[in-house]
């Protein structure tokens, strides 16, 4: 009588698979230790400070709000300002007017408004970088034009606003010939965010282009070159109390479709 273990076809196949796996492990050993790293993201990319909103106003007053956005990131970051105004006692669309350049007013409810202040920028400069309005783009490029992050900035434009990107980088109607033909990603990005101008828009020479506003880690929304903020009018018929809440956001794909953007009173 023979002693031993009998295996059926299925068991034999399982053993064969185990042997094959063992053989692969022998042939392809791990050559190094495993390294694991955790990275903690701390703080916000943009720090916001707000001045100019008083504790009380008289009907008909104009308030100059200085909302300064400061970039804490080591790369350019586009940012717009959002502002919510509440009046729990009254309807407010006819009681408040914001004079803030380009943007939009969003009526959320009878006692709440949200303002989108800015268009699709400005583009804040990396932390520690500042150029005044009127600076030649050749000077800006000589300082930071070769930085690796410009391709990333344009890629974000392409994802968020394909039509704008096509007009900016590829042949289109919404950007000058000089910008489209330029090899400078910096010029293309600053032009997209409406921060450059030239007396000769057909030129690709960076020396022919200048900043129309500051390109800085700090930008006051939406004060333009003067960086003096924007105005809020409290209409003479206004009553009750107003609560202001402000924060910075990344542009949201040029806002909601058919968003009622205006340049002037919002």
C-alpha atoms as a PDB file:
ATOM      1  CA  UNK A   1       0.000   0.000   0.000  1.00  0.00           C
ATOM      2  CA  UNK A   2       1.508   3.319  -1.099  1.00  0.00           C
ATOM      3  CA  UNK A   3       1.400   6.370   1.147  1.00  0.00           C
ATOM      4  CA  UNK A   4       1.171   9.873  -0.300  1.00  0.00           C
ATOM      5  CA  UNK A   5      -1.074  12.716  -1.300  1.00  0.00           C
ATOM      6  CA  UNK A   6      -3.145  12.532  -4.393  1.00  0.00           C
ATOM      7  CA  UNK A   7      -3.907  15.834  -6.169  1.00  0.00           C
ATOM      8  CA  UNK A   8      -6.587  16.443  -8.694  1.00  0.00           C
ATOM      9  CA  UNK A   9      -6.043  18.587 -11.799  1.00  0.00           C
ATOM     10  CA  UNK A  10      -7.268  21.785 -10.084  1.00  0.00           C
ATOM     11  CA  UNK A  11      -4.905  21.403  -7.115  1.00  0.00           C
ATOM     12  CA  UNK A  12      -2.005  20.652  -9.430  1.00  0.00           C
ATOM     13  CA  UNK A  13      -2.729  23.823 -11.395  1.00  0.00           C
ATOM     14  CA  UNK A  14      -2.745  25.890  -8.172  1.00  0.00           C
ATOM     15  CA  UNK A  15       0.657  24.555  -7.150  1.00  0.00           C
ATOM     16  CA  UNK A  16       2.009  25.328 -10.608  1.00  0.00           C
ATOM     17  CA  UNK A  17       0.830  28.950 -10.300  1.00  0.00           C
ATOM     18  CA  UNK A  18       2.515  29.281  -6.898  1.00  0.00           C
ATOM     19  CA  UNK A  19       5.766  27.911  -8.275  1.00  0.00           C
ATOM     20  CA  UNK A  20       5.605  30.287 -11.235  1.00  0.00           C
ATOM     21  CA  UNK A  21       4.996  33.252  -8.955  1.00  0.00           C
ATOM     22  CA  UNK A  22       7.928  32.217  -6.782  1.00  0.00           C
ATOM     23  CA  UNK A  23      10.126  31.959  -9.841  1.00  0.00           C
ATOM     24  CA  UNK A  24       9.153  35.501 -10.924  1.00  0.00           C
ATOM     25  CA  UNK A  25       9.974  36.794  -7.450  1.00  0.00           C
ATOM     26  CA  UNK A  26      13.403  35.222  -7.656  1.00  0.00           C
ATOM     27  CA  UNK A  27      14.063  36.657 -11.100  1.00  0.00           C
ATOM     28  CA  UNK A  28      12.888  40.224 -10.314  1.00  0.00           C
ATOM     29  CA  UNK A  29      13.895  41.063  -6.748  1.00  0.00           C
ATOM     30  CA  UNK A  30      13.270  44.506  -5.247  1.00  0.00           C
ATOM     31  CA  UNK A  31      16.466  46.524  -5.478  1.00  0.00           C
ATOM     32  CA  UNK A  32      15.820  49.223  -2.910  1.00  0.00           C
ATOM     33  CA  UNK A  33      14.040  50.122   0.263  1.00  0.00           C
ATOM     34  CA  UNK A  34      10.652  51.851   0.127  1.00  0.00           C
ATOM     35  CA  UNK A  35      10.537  55.563   0.929  1.00  0.00           C
ATOM     36  CA  UNK A  36       7.266  57.194   1.998  1.00  0.00           C
ATOM     37  CA  UNK A  37       6.862  60.942   2.437  1.00  0.00           C
ATOM     38  CA  UNK A  38       3.908  62.997   3.635  1.00  0.00           C
ATOM     39  CA  UNK A  39       3.540  66.622   2.516  1.00  0.00           C
ATOM     40  CA  UNK A  40       1.359  68.977   4.507  1.00  0.00           C
ATOM     41  CA  UNK A  41      -0.206  71.965   2.716  1.00  0.00           C
ATOM     42  CA  UNK A  42      -0.279  74.894   5.127  1.00  0.00           C
ATOM     43  CA  UNK A  43      -2.132  78.192   4.864  1.00  0.00           C
ATOM     44  CA  UNK A  44      -3.798  79.762   1.828  1.00  0.00           C
ATOM     45  CA  UNK A  45      -2.276  80.698  -1.523  1.00  0.00           C
ATOM     46  CA  UNK A  46      -3.714  84.216  -1.230  1.00  0.00           C
ATOM     47  CA  UNK A  47      -3.986  86.318   1.923  1.00  0.00           C
ATOM     48  CA  UNK A  48      -6.754  88.953   1.946  1.00  0.00           C
ATOM     49  CA  UNK A  49      -6.875  92.149   3.996  1.00  0.00           C
ATOM     50  CA  UNK A  50      -9.785  94.614   3.866  1.00  0.00           C
ATOM     51  CA  UNK A  51      -9.879  98.261   4.932  1.00  0.00           C
ATOM     52  CA  UNK A  52     -12.370 101.075   4.438  1.00  0.00           C
ATOM     53  CA  UNK A  53     -15.651  99.519   5.635  1.00  0.00           C
ATOM     54  CA  UNK A  54     -16.835 101.690   8.573  1.00  0.00           C
ATOM     55  CA  UNK A  55     -19.002 100.685  11.497  1.00  0.00           C
ATOM     56  CA  UNK A  56     -21.748 103.098  10.425  1.00  0.00           C
ATOM     57  CA  UNK A  57     -22.652 105.165   7.361  1.00  0.00           C
ATOM     58  CA  UNK A  58     -25.195 107.833   6.476  1.00  0.00           C
ATOM     59  CA  UNK A  59     -27.673 107.231   3.653  1.00  0.00           C
ATOM     60  CA  UNK A  60     -26.063 108.257   0.375  1.00  0.00           C
ATOM     61  CA  UNK A  61     -22.470 107.683   1.543  1.00  0.00           C
ATOM     62  CA  UNK A  62     -19.725 106.344  -0.732  1.00  0.00           C
ATOM     63  CA  UNK A  63     -17.334 103.815   0.823  1.00  0.00           C
ATOM     64  CA  UNK A  64     -13.885 103.202  -0.665  1.00  0.00           C
ATOM     65  CA  UNK A  65     -12.985  99.573   0.009  1.00  0.00           C
ATOM     66  CA  UNK A  66      -9.322  98.594  -0.178  1.00  0.00           C
ATOM     67  CA  UNK A  67      -9.234  94.808  -0.498  1.00  0.00           C
ATOM     68  CA  UNK A  68      -5.618  93.721  -0.946  1.00  0.00           C
ATOM     69  CA  UNK A  69      -4.818  90.213  -2.183  1.00  0.00           C
ATOM     70  CA  UNK A  70      -1.275  89.031  -1.455  1.00  0.00           C
ATOM     71  CA  UNK A  71       0.164  85.942  -3.127  1.00  0.00           C
ATOM     72  CA  UNK A  72       1.834  83.472  -0.784  1.00  0.00           C
ATOM     73  CA  UNK A  73       2.698  81.002  -3.564  1.00  0.00           C
ATOM     74  CA  UNK A  74       6.006  80.685  -5.400  1.00  0.00           C
ATOM     75  CA  UNK A  75       4.288  80.934  -8.804  1.00  0.00           C
ATOM     76  CA  UNK A  76       1.797  83.305 -10.470  1.00  0.00           C
ATOM     77  CA  UNK A  77      -1.781  82.827  -9.260  1.00  0.00           C
ATOM     78  CA  UNK A  78      -4.902  84.340 -10.855  1.00  0.00           C
ATOM     79  CA  UNK A  79      -7.429  85.653  -8.341  1.00  0.00           C
ATOM     80  CA  UNK A  80     -10.688  87.559  -8.310  1.00  0.00           C
ATOM     81  CA  UNK A  81     -12.530  89.074  -5.380  1.00  0.00           C
ATOM     82  CA  UNK A  82     -15.968  87.891  -4.260  1.00  0.00           C
ATOM     83  CA  UNK A  83     -18.070  90.061  -1.987  1.00  0.00           C
ATOM     84  CA  UNK A  84     -21.341  89.170  -0.286  1.00  0.00           C
ATOM     85  CA  UNK A  85     -23.570  91.946   1.023  1.00  0.00           C
ATOM     86  CA  UNK A  86     -26.517  91.139   3.291  1.00  0.00           C
ATOM     87  CA  UNK A  87     -29.270  93.305   4.676  1.00  0.00           C
ATOM     88  CA  UNK A  88     -31.676  91.293   6.817  1.00  0.00           C
ATOM     89  CA  UNK A  89     -34.209  94.125   6.915  1.00  0.00           C
ATOM     90  CA  UNK A  90     -34.647  95.143   3.299  1.00  0.00           C
ATOM     91  CA  UNK A  91     -34.237  94.100  -0.308  1.00  0.00           C
ATOM     92  CA  UNK A  92     -30.850  95.371  -1.427  1.00  0.00           C
ATOM     93  CA  UNK A  93     -30.312  95.298  -5.218  1.00  0.00           C
ATOM     94  CA  UNK A  94     -31.523  98.910  -5.407  1.00  0.00           C
ATOM     95  CA  UNK A  95     -29.778  99.961  -2.231  1.00  0.00           C
ATOM     96  CA  UNK A  96     -26.134  99.192  -3.027  1.00  0.00           C
ATOM     97  CA  UNK A  97     -24.046  99.905  -6.129  1.00  0.00           C
ATOM     98  CA  UNK A  98     -20.449  98.721  -6.528  1.00  0.00           C
ATOM     99  CA  UNK A  99     -18.066 100.682  -8.794  1.00  0.00           C
ATOM    100  CA  UNK A 100     -15.261  98.207  -9.360  1.00  0.00           C
ATOM    101  CA  UNK A 101     -14.230  98.003 -12.999  1.00  0.00           C
ATOM    102  CA  UNK A 102     -15.246  94.740 -14.671  1.00  0.00           C
ATOM    103  CA  UNK A 103     -17.295  92.175 -12.821  1.00  0.00           C
ATOM    104  CA  UNK A 104     -20.850  91.108 -12.146  1.00  0.00           C
ATOM    105  CA  UNK A 105     -23.659  91.335  -9.651  1.00  0.00           C
ATOM    106  CA  UNK A 106     -25.402  88.100  -8.730  1.00  0.00           C
ATOM    107  CA  UNK A 107     -28.798  88.442  -7.077  1.00  0.00           C
ATOM    108  CA  UNK A 108     -28.989  85.493  -4.716  1.00  0.00           C
ATOM    109  CA  UNK A 109     -32.071  86.481  -2.711  1.00  0.00           C
ATOM    110  CA  UNK A 110     -34.047  89.524  -1.653  1.00  0.00           C
ATOM    111  CA  UNK A 111     -31.656  90.184   1.205  1.00  0.00           C
ATOM    112  CA  UNK A 112     -28.369  88.929  -0.254  1.00  0.00           C
ATOM    113  CA  UNK A 113     -26.113  89.938  -3.155  1.00  0.00           C
ATOM    114  CA  UNK A 114     -22.808  88.492  -4.313  1.00  0.00           C
ATOM    115  CA  UNK A 115     -20.391  90.475  -6.464  1.00  0.00           C
ATOM    116  CA  UNK A 116     -17.739  88.998  -8.772  1.00  0.00           C
ATOM    117  CA  UNK A 117     -15.067  91.709  -8.868  1.00  0.00           C
ATOM    118  CA  UNK A 118     -12.536  91.301 -11.643  1.00  0.00           C
ATOM    119  CA  UNK A 119     -12.730  89.632 -15.027  1.00  0.00           C
ATOM    120  CA  UNK A 120     -10.533  86.547 -15.002  1.00  0.00           C
ATOM    121  CA  UNK A 121      -7.698  87.994 -12.993  1.00  0.00           C
ATOM    122  CA  UNK A 122      -5.551  89.813 -12.106  1.00  0.00           C
ATOM    123  CA  UNK A 123      -2.604  87.491 -12.236  1.00  0.00           C
ATOM    124  CA  UNK A 124      -0.724  87.864  -8.974  1.00  0.00           C
ATOM    125  CA  UNK A 125       3.064  87.655  -9.238  1.00  0.00           C
ATOM    126  CA  UNK A 126       4.964  84.999  -7.277  1.00  0.00           C
ATOM    127  CA  UNK A 127       5.788  85.709  -3.658  1.00  0.00           C
ATOM    128  CA  UNK A 128       8.456  88.395  -3.378  1.00  0.00           C
ATOM    129  CA  UNK A 129       8.059  89.720  -6.954  1.00  0.00           C
ATOM    130  CA  UNK A 130       6.842  93.230  -7.815  1.00  0.00           C
ATOM    131  CA  UNK A 131       6.917  95.342 -10.982  1.00  0.00           C
ATOM    132  CA  UNK A 132       5.309  98.781 -11.231  1.00  0.00           C
ATOM    133  CA  UNK A 133       2.838  99.851 -13.900  1.00  0.00           C
ATOM    134  CA  UNK A 134       4.721 101.126 -16.956  1.00  0.00           C
ATOM    135  CA  UNK A 135       7.575  98.628 -16.617  1.00  0.00           C
ATOM    136  CA  UNK A 136       8.845  97.243 -19.919  1.00  0.00           C
ATOM    137  CA  UNK A 137       7.939  93.609 -20.512  1.00  0.00           C
ATOM    138  CA  UNK A 138      11.531  93.108 -21.649  1.00  0.00           C
ATOM    139  CA  UNK A 139      12.591  94.000 -18.096  1.00  0.00           C
ATOM    140  CA  UNK A 140      10.030  91.654 -16.574  1.00  0.00           C
ATOM    141  CA  UNK A 141      11.065  88.851 -18.924  1.00  0.00           C
ATOM    142  CA  UNK A 142      14.735  89.369 -18.147  1.00  0.00           C
ATOM    143  CA  UNK A 143      13.943  88.810 -14.480  1.00  0.00           C
ATOM    144  CA  UNK A 144      11.411  85.958 -14.489  1.00  0.00           C
ATOM    145  CA  UNK A 145      10.627  85.149 -18.126  1.00  0.00           C
ATOM    146  CA  UNK A 146      12.608  81.910 -18.069  1.00  0.00           C
ATOM    147  CA  UNK A 147      10.839  80.517 -14.988  1.00  0.00           C
ATOM    148  CA  UNK A 148       9.340  77.062 -15.459  1.00  0.00           C
ATOM    149  CA  UNK A 149       5.876  77.999 -14.260  1.00  0.00           C
ATOM    150  CA  UNK A 150       4.755  79.985 -17.347  1.00  0.00           C
ATOM    151  CA  UNK A 151       3.827  76.840 -19.276  1.00  0.00           C
ATOM    152  CA  UNK A 152       1.681  75.831 -16.303  1.00  0.00           C
ATOM    153  CA  UNK A 153      -0.053  79.219 -16.247  1.00  0.00           C
ATOM    154  CA  UNK A 154      -0.932  78.931 -19.956  1.00  0.00           C
ATOM    155  CA  UNK A 155      -2.082  75.329 -19.513  1.00  0.00           C
ATOM    156  CA  UNK A 156      -4.509  76.493 -16.828  1.00  0.00           C
ATOM    157  CA  UNK A 157      -5.827  79.156 -19.217  1.00  0.00           C
ATOM    158  CA  UNK A 158      -6.296  76.478 -21.874  1.00  0.00           C
ATOM    159  CA  UNK A 159      -8.285  74.251 -19.499  1.00  0.00           C
ATOM    160  CA  UNK A 160     -10.402  77.015 -17.993  1.00  0.00           C
ATOM    161  CA  UNK A 161     -11.033  79.140 -21.080  1.00  0.00           C
ATOM    162  CA  UNK A 162     -10.352  77.200 -24.311  1.00  0.00           C
ATOM    163  CA  UNK A 163     -11.731  79.956 -26.556  1.00  0.00           C
ATOM    164  CA  UNK A 164      -9.610  82.603 -24.878  1.00  0.00           C
ATOM    165  CA  UNK A 165      -6.557  80.386 -25.104  1.00  0.00           C
ATOM    166  CA  UNK A 166      -7.136  79.733 -28.789  1.00  0.00           C
ATOM    167  CA  UNK A 167      -7.321  83.441 -29.508  1.00  0.00           C
ATOM    168  CA  UNK A 168      -4.307  84.110 -27.323  1.00  0.00           C
ATOM    169  CA  UNK A 169      -1.825  81.473 -28.412  1.00  0.00           C
ATOM    170  CA  UNK A 170      -3.163  80.161 -31.698  1.00  0.00           C
ATOM    171  CA  UNK A 171      -4.399  82.286 -34.633  1.00  0.00           C
ATOM    172  CA  UNK A 172      -7.545  84.091 -33.555  1.00  0.00           C
ATOM    173  CA  UNK A 173      -9.270  87.446 -33.422  1.00  0.00           C
ATOM    174  CA  UNK A 174      -9.042  88.438 -29.772  1.00  0.00           C
ATOM    175  CA  UNK A 175      -5.311  88.943 -29.383  1.00  0.00           C
ATOM    176  CA  UNK A 176      -2.858  91.088 -31.285  1.00  0.00           C
ATOM    177  CA  UNK A 177      -0.645  89.712 -34.015  1.00  0.00           C
ATOM    178  CA  UNK A 178       2.420  90.529 -31.939  1.00  0.00           C
ATOM    179  CA  UNK A 179       1.215  88.469 -28.965  1.00  0.00           C
ATOM    180  CA  UNK A 180       0.191  85.496 -31.112  1.00  0.00           C
ATOM    181  CA  UNK A 181       3.523  85.461 -32.941  1.00  0.00           C
ATOM    182  CA  UNK A 182       5.612  85.979 -29.818  1.00  0.00           C
ATOM    183  CA  UNK A 183       7.571  83.106 -28.354  1.00  0.00           C
ATOM    184  CA  UNK A 184       7.200  84.592 -24.879  1.00  0.00           C
ATOM    185  CA  UNK A 185       4.818  82.678 -22.627  1.00  0.00           C
ATOM    186  CA  UNK A 186       5.090  85.544 -20.152  1.00  0.00           C
ATOM    187  CA  UNK A 187       3.760  88.067 -22.705  1.00  0.00           C
ATOM    188  CA  UNK A 188       0.943  85.716 -23.715  1.00  0.00           C
ATOM    189  CA  UNK A 189      -0.110  85.178 -20.099  1.00  0.00           C
ATOM    190  CA  UNK A 190       0.027  88.844 -19.101  1.00  0.00           C
ATOM    191  CA  UNK A 191      -1.874  89.808 -22.257  1.00  0.00           C
ATOM    192  CA  UNK A 192      -4.583  87.249 -21.486  1.00  0.00           C
ATOM    193  CA  UNK A 193      -5.051  88.802 -18.050  1.00  0.00           C
ATOM    194  CA  UNK A 194      -5.273  92.295 -19.586  1.00  0.00           C
ATOM    195  CA  UNK A 195      -2.098  93.572 -17.941  1.00  0.00           C
ATOM    196  CA  UNK A 196      -0.038  94.761 -20.952  1.00  0.00           C
ATOM    197  CA  UNK A 197      -0.328  97.255 -23.811  1.00  0.00           C
ATOM    198  CA  UNK A 198       1.751  98.443 -26.755  1.00  0.00           C
ATOM    199  CA  UNK A 199       1.722 101.370 -29.178  1.00  0.00           C
ATOM    200  CA  UNK A 200       2.608  98.774 -31.820  1.00  0.00           C
ATOM    201  CA  UNK A 201       0.415  95.704 -31.126  1.00  0.00           C
ATOM    202  CA  UNK A 202       1.767  93.921 -34.208  1.00  0.00           C
ATOM    203  CA  UNK A 203       5.257  93.828 -32.665  1.00  0.00           C
ATOM    204  CA  UNK A 204       6.594  90.735 -30.951  1.00  0.00           C
ATOM    205  CA  UNK A 205       9.471  92.735 -29.473  1.00  0.00           C
ATOM    206  CA  UNK A 206       9.040  92.634 -25.701  1.00  0.00           C
ATOM    207  CA  UNK A 207      10.577  96.098 -25.423  1.00  0.00           C
ATOM    208  CA  UNK A 208       7.511  97.468 -27.250  1.00  0.00           C
ATOM    209  CA  UNK A 209       5.167  96.226 -24.511  1.00  0.00           C
ATOM    210  CA  UNK A 210       4.627  97.649 -21.011  1.00  0.00           C
ATOM    211  CA  UNK A 211       2.608  96.772 -17.918  1.00  0.00           C
ATOM    212  CA  UNK A 212      -0.684  98.656 -17.655  1.00  0.00           C
ATOM    213  CA  UNK A 213      -0.993  97.858 -13.955  1.00  0.00           C
ATOM    214  CA  UNK A 214       1.247  96.438 -11.269  1.00  0.00           C
ATOM    215  CA  UNK A 215       2.419  92.858 -11.640  1.00  0.00           C
ATOM    216  CA  UNK A 216       3.066  92.175  -8.023  1.00  0.00           C
ATOM    217  CA  UNK A 217       2.506  89.698  -5.236  1.00  0.00           C
ATOM    218  CA  UNK A 218       0.062  92.302  -3.865  1.00  0.00           C
ATOM    219  CA  UNK A 219      -2.909  93.615  -5.830  1.00  0.00           C
ATOM    220  CA  UNK A 220      -5.742  95.848  -4.649  1.00  0.00           C
ATOM    221  CA  UNK A 221      -9.071  94.850  -6.193  1.00  0.00           C
ATOM    222  CA  UNK A 222     -10.000  96.551  -8.389  1.00  0.00           C
ATOM    223  CA  UNK A 223      -8.036  99.762  -8.180  1.00  0.00           C
ATOM    224  CA  UNK A 224      -6.134  99.571 -11.463  1.00  0.00           C
ATOM    225  CA  UNK A 225      -2.754 101.309 -11.647  1.00  0.00           C
ATOM    226  CA  UNK A 226      -3.622 103.579  -8.716  1.00  0.00           C
ATOM    227  CA  UNK A 227      -4.247 100.592  -6.415  1.00  0.00           C
ATOM    228  CA  UNK A 228      -6.805 102.652  -4.477  1.00  0.00           C
ATOM    229  CA  UNK A 229      -9.618 100.104  -4.218  1.00  0.00           C
ATOM    230  CA  UNK A 230     -13.233 100.351  -5.373  1.00  0.00           C
ATOM    231  CA  UNK A 231     -16.324 102.316  -4.359  1.00  0.00           C
ATOM    232  CA  UNK A 232     -19.531 101.080  -2.752  1.00  0.00           C
ATOM    233  CA  UNK A 233     -22.503 103.437  -2.789  1.00  0.00           C
ATOM    234  CA  UNK A 234     -25.063 103.175  -0.015  1.00  0.00           C
ATOM    235  CA  UNK A 235     -28.158 104.645  -1.652  1.00  0.00           C
ATOM    236  CA  UNK A 236     -30.095 107.436   0.116  1.00  0.00           C
ATOM    237  CA  UNK A 237     -33.162 105.188   0.582  1.00  0.00           C
ATOM    238  CA  UNK A 238     -31.125 102.477   2.330  1.00  0.00           C
ATOM    239  CA  UNK A 239     -32.158 101.446   5.834  1.00  0.00           C
ATOM    240  CA  UNK A 240     -31.185  98.831   8.356  1.00  0.00           C
ATOM    241  CA  UNK A 241     -27.714  97.287   8.509  1.00  0.00           C
ATOM    242  CA  UNK A 242     -25.387  95.801   5.912  1.00  0.00           C
ATOM    243  CA  UNK A 243     -23.069  92.871   6.496  1.00  0.00           C
ATOM    244  CA  UNK A 244     -20.040  92.578   4.178  1.00  0.00           C
ATOM    245  CA  UNK A 245     -18.103  89.346   3.643  1.00  0.00           C
ATOM    246  CA  UNK A 246     -15.154  89.239   1.211  1.00  0.00           C
ATOM    247  CA  UNK A 247     -12.895  86.450  -0.009  1.00  0.00           C
ATOM    248  CA  UNK A 248     -10.525  85.691  -2.912  1.00  0.00           C
ATOM    249  CA  UNK A 249     -11.226  82.929  -5.431  1.00  0.00           C
ATOM    250  CA  UNK A 250      -9.718  81.500  -8.550  1.00  0.00           C
ATOM    251  CA  UNK A 251     -11.649  82.581 -11.647  1.00  0.00           C
ATOM    252  CA  UNK A 252     -14.450  80.114 -12.344  1.00  0.00           C
ATOM    253  CA  UNK A 253     -14.224  79.476 -16.091  1.00  0.00           C
ATOM    254  CA  UNK A 254     -15.238  83.081 -16.791  1.00  0.00           C
ATOM    255  CA  UNK A 255     -18.174  82.703 -14.458  1.00  0.00           C
ATOM    256  CA  UNK A 256     -21.533  81.131 -15.081  1.00  0.00           C
ATOM    257  CA  UNK A 257     -22.499  80.807 -18.787  1.00  0.00           C
ATOM    258  CA  UNK A 258     -24.054  84.056 -20.036  1.00  0.00           C
ATOM    259  CA  UNK A 259     -22.845  85.778 -16.898  1.00  0.00           C
ATOM    260  CA  UNK A 260     -23.786  89.495 -17.059  1.00  0.00           C
ATOM    261  CA  UNK A 261     -20.282  90.956 -16.902  1.00  0.00           C
ATOM    262  CA  UNK A 262     -20.028  94.719 -17.105  1.00  0.00           C
ATOM    263  CA  UNK A 263     -17.261  97.290 -16.915  1.00  0.00           C
ATOM    264  CA  UNK A 264     -18.528 100.123 -14.765  1.00  0.00           C
ATOM    265  CA  UNK A 265     -21.167 100.142 -12.026  1.00  0.00           C
ATOM    266  CA  UNK A 266     -22.049  96.615 -10.917  1.00  0.00           C
END
